Amino acid sequence: MKLVATTLLALALGACGVETAGTAATSAAIKKQELDQGKKTLEQAQQKIGQALEQEQRAASATEPAEK
């Protein structure tokens, strides 16, 4: 009987470890998705900044008098 109880206890504790590992893996996957989304957002922001700078430079060169 002690062997059965000990075995059940060991299985129960082992299952908790598996659940914890699964939770950690899920958490890591979510963090990776957040990181990937953050990188995508950063790239989009950099593109928009680059486009705004180009527009500003074109506008500035259009208003400058032509040199002869």
C-alpha atoms as a PDB file:
ATOM      1  CA  MET A   1       0.000   0.000   0.000  1.00  0.00           C
ATOM      2  CA  LYS A   2       2.862   2.355   0.811  1.00  0.00           C
ATOM      3  CA  LEU A   3       4.341   1.611  -2.603  1.00  0.00           C
ATOM      4  CA  VAL A   4       1.089   2.511  -4.337  1.00  0.00           C
ATOM      5  CA  ALA A   5       0.766   5.749  -2.365  1.00  0.00           C
ATOM      6  CA  THR A   6       4.391   6.662  -3.042  1.00  0.00           C
ATOM      7  CA  THR A   7       3.978   5.906  -6.740  1.00  0.00           C
ATOM      8  CA  LEU A   8       0.814   7.998  -6.982  1.00  0.00           C
ATOM      9  CA  LEU A   9       2.503  10.863  -5.150  1.00  0.00           C
ATOM     10  CA  ALA A  10       5.493  10.693  -7.484  1.00  0.00           C
ATOM     11  CA  LEU A  11       3.223  10.687 -10.545  1.00  0.00           C
ATOM     12  CA  ALA A  12       1.221  13.614  -9.220  1.00  0.00           C
ATOM     13  CA  LEU A  13       4.344  15.648  -8.534  1.00  0.00           C
ATOM     14  CA  GLY A  14       5.762  14.701 -11.906  1.00  0.00           C
ATOM     15  CA  ALA A  15       2.572  15.865 -13.594  1.00  0.00           C
ATOM     16  CA  CYS A  16       2.925  19.243 -11.878  1.00  0.00           C
ATOM     17  CA  GLY A  17       6.377  19.550 -13.340  1.00  0.00           C
ATOM     18  CA  VAL A  18       5.080  18.755 -16.805  1.00  0.00           C
ATOM     19  CA  GLU A  19       2.345  21.348 -16.428  1.00  0.00           C
ATOM     20  CA  THR A  20       4.883  23.931 -15.274  1.00  0.00           C
ATOM     21  CA  ALA A  21       7.117  23.133 -18.235  1.00  0.00           C
ATOM     22  CA  GLY A  22       4.156  23.453 -20.588  1.00  0.00           C
ATOM     23  CA  THR A  23       3.215  26.803 -19.078  1.00  0.00           C
ATOM     24  CA  ALA A  24       6.786  28.022 -19.437  1.00  0.00           C
ATOM     25  CA  ALA A  25       6.881  26.939 -23.074  1.00  0.00           C
ATOM     26  CA  THR A  26       3.594  28.716 -23.772  1.00  0.00           C
ATOM     27  CA  SER A  27       4.853  31.842 -22.049  1.00  0.00           C
ATOM     28  CA  ALA A  28       8.050  31.752 -24.079  1.00  0.00           C
ATOM     29  CA  ALA A  29       6.074  31.396 -27.312  1.00  0.00           C
ATOM     30  CA  ILE A  30       3.931  34.399 -26.399  1.00  0.00           C
ATOM     31  CA  LYS A  31       7.020  36.471 -25.586  1.00  0.00           C
ATOM     32  CA  LYS A  32       8.554  35.496 -28.943  1.00  0.00           C
ATOM     33  CA  GLN A  33       5.395  36.642 -30.741  1.00  0.00           C
ATOM     34  CA  GLU A  34       5.507  39.927 -28.845  1.00  0.00           C
ATOM     35  CA  LEU A  35       9.152  40.380 -29.760  1.00  0.00           C
ATOM     36  CA  ASP A  36       8.474  39.645 -33.431  1.00  0.00           C
ATOM     37  CA  GLN A  37       5.562  42.096 -33.446  1.00  0.00           C
ATOM     38  CA  GLY A  38       7.739  44.737 -31.779  1.00  0.00           C
ATOM     39  CA  LYS A  39      10.422  44.285 -34.445  1.00  0.00           C
ATOM     40  CA  LYS A  40       7.794  44.611 -37.184  1.00  0.00           C
ATOM     41  CA  THR A  41       6.420  47.782 -35.592  1.00  0.00           C
ATOM     42  CA  LEU A  42       9.946  49.211 -35.312  1.00  0.00           C
ATOM     43  CA  GLU A  43      10.653  48.492 -38.981  1.00  0.00           C
ATOM     44  CA  GLN A  44       7.381  50.149 -40.009  1.00  0.00           C
ATOM     45  CA  ALA A  45       8.169  53.215 -37.903  1.00  0.00           C
ATOM     46  CA  GLN A  46      11.657  53.462 -39.426  1.00  0.00           C
ATOM     47  CA  GLN A  47      10.176  53.260 -42.927  1.00  0.00           C
ATOM     48  CA  LYS A  48       7.670  56.017 -42.141  1.00  0.00           C
ATOM     49  CA  ILE A  49      10.421  58.212 -40.715  1.00  0.00           C
ATOM     50  CA  GLY A  50      12.550  57.621 -43.809  1.00  0.00           C
ATOM     51  CA  GLN A  51       9.637  58.509 -46.089  1.00  0.00           C
ATOM     52  CA  ALA A  52       8.923  61.673 -44.095  1.00  0.00           C
ATOM     53  CA  LEU A  53      12.573  62.727 -44.335  1.00  0.00           C
ATOM     54  CA  GLU A  54      12.581  62.146 -48.098  1.00  0.00           C
ATOM     55  CA  GLN A  55       9.430  64.224 -48.504  1.00  0.00           C
ATOM     56  CA  GLU A  56      10.932  66.997 -46.413  1.00  0.00           C
ATOM     57  CA  GLN A  57      14.129  66.977 -48.493  1.00  0.00           C
ATOM     58  CA  ARG A  58      12.131  67.089 -51.750  1.00  0.00           C
ATOM     59  CA  ALA A  59      10.038  69.967 -50.453  1.00  0.00           C
ATOM     60  CA  ALA A  60      13.148  71.848 -49.336  1.00  0.00           C
ATOM     61  CA  SER A  61      14.913  71.353 -52.673  1.00  0.00           C
ATOM     62  CA  ALA A  62      11.791  72.457 -54.567  1.00  0.00           C
ATOM     63  CA  THR A  63      11.640  75.750 -52.676  1.00  0.00           C
ATOM     64  CA  GLU A  64      15.351  76.556 -53.094  1.00  0.00           C
ATOM     65  CA  PRO A  65      16.109  78.923 -55.964  1.00  0.00           C
ATOM     66  CA  ALA A  66      17.864  77.294 -58.894  1.00  0.00           C
ATOM     67  CA  GLU A  67      21.587  78.092 -58.983  1.00  0.00           C
ATOM     68  CA  LYS A  68      23.084  79.236 -62.299  1.00  0.00           C
END
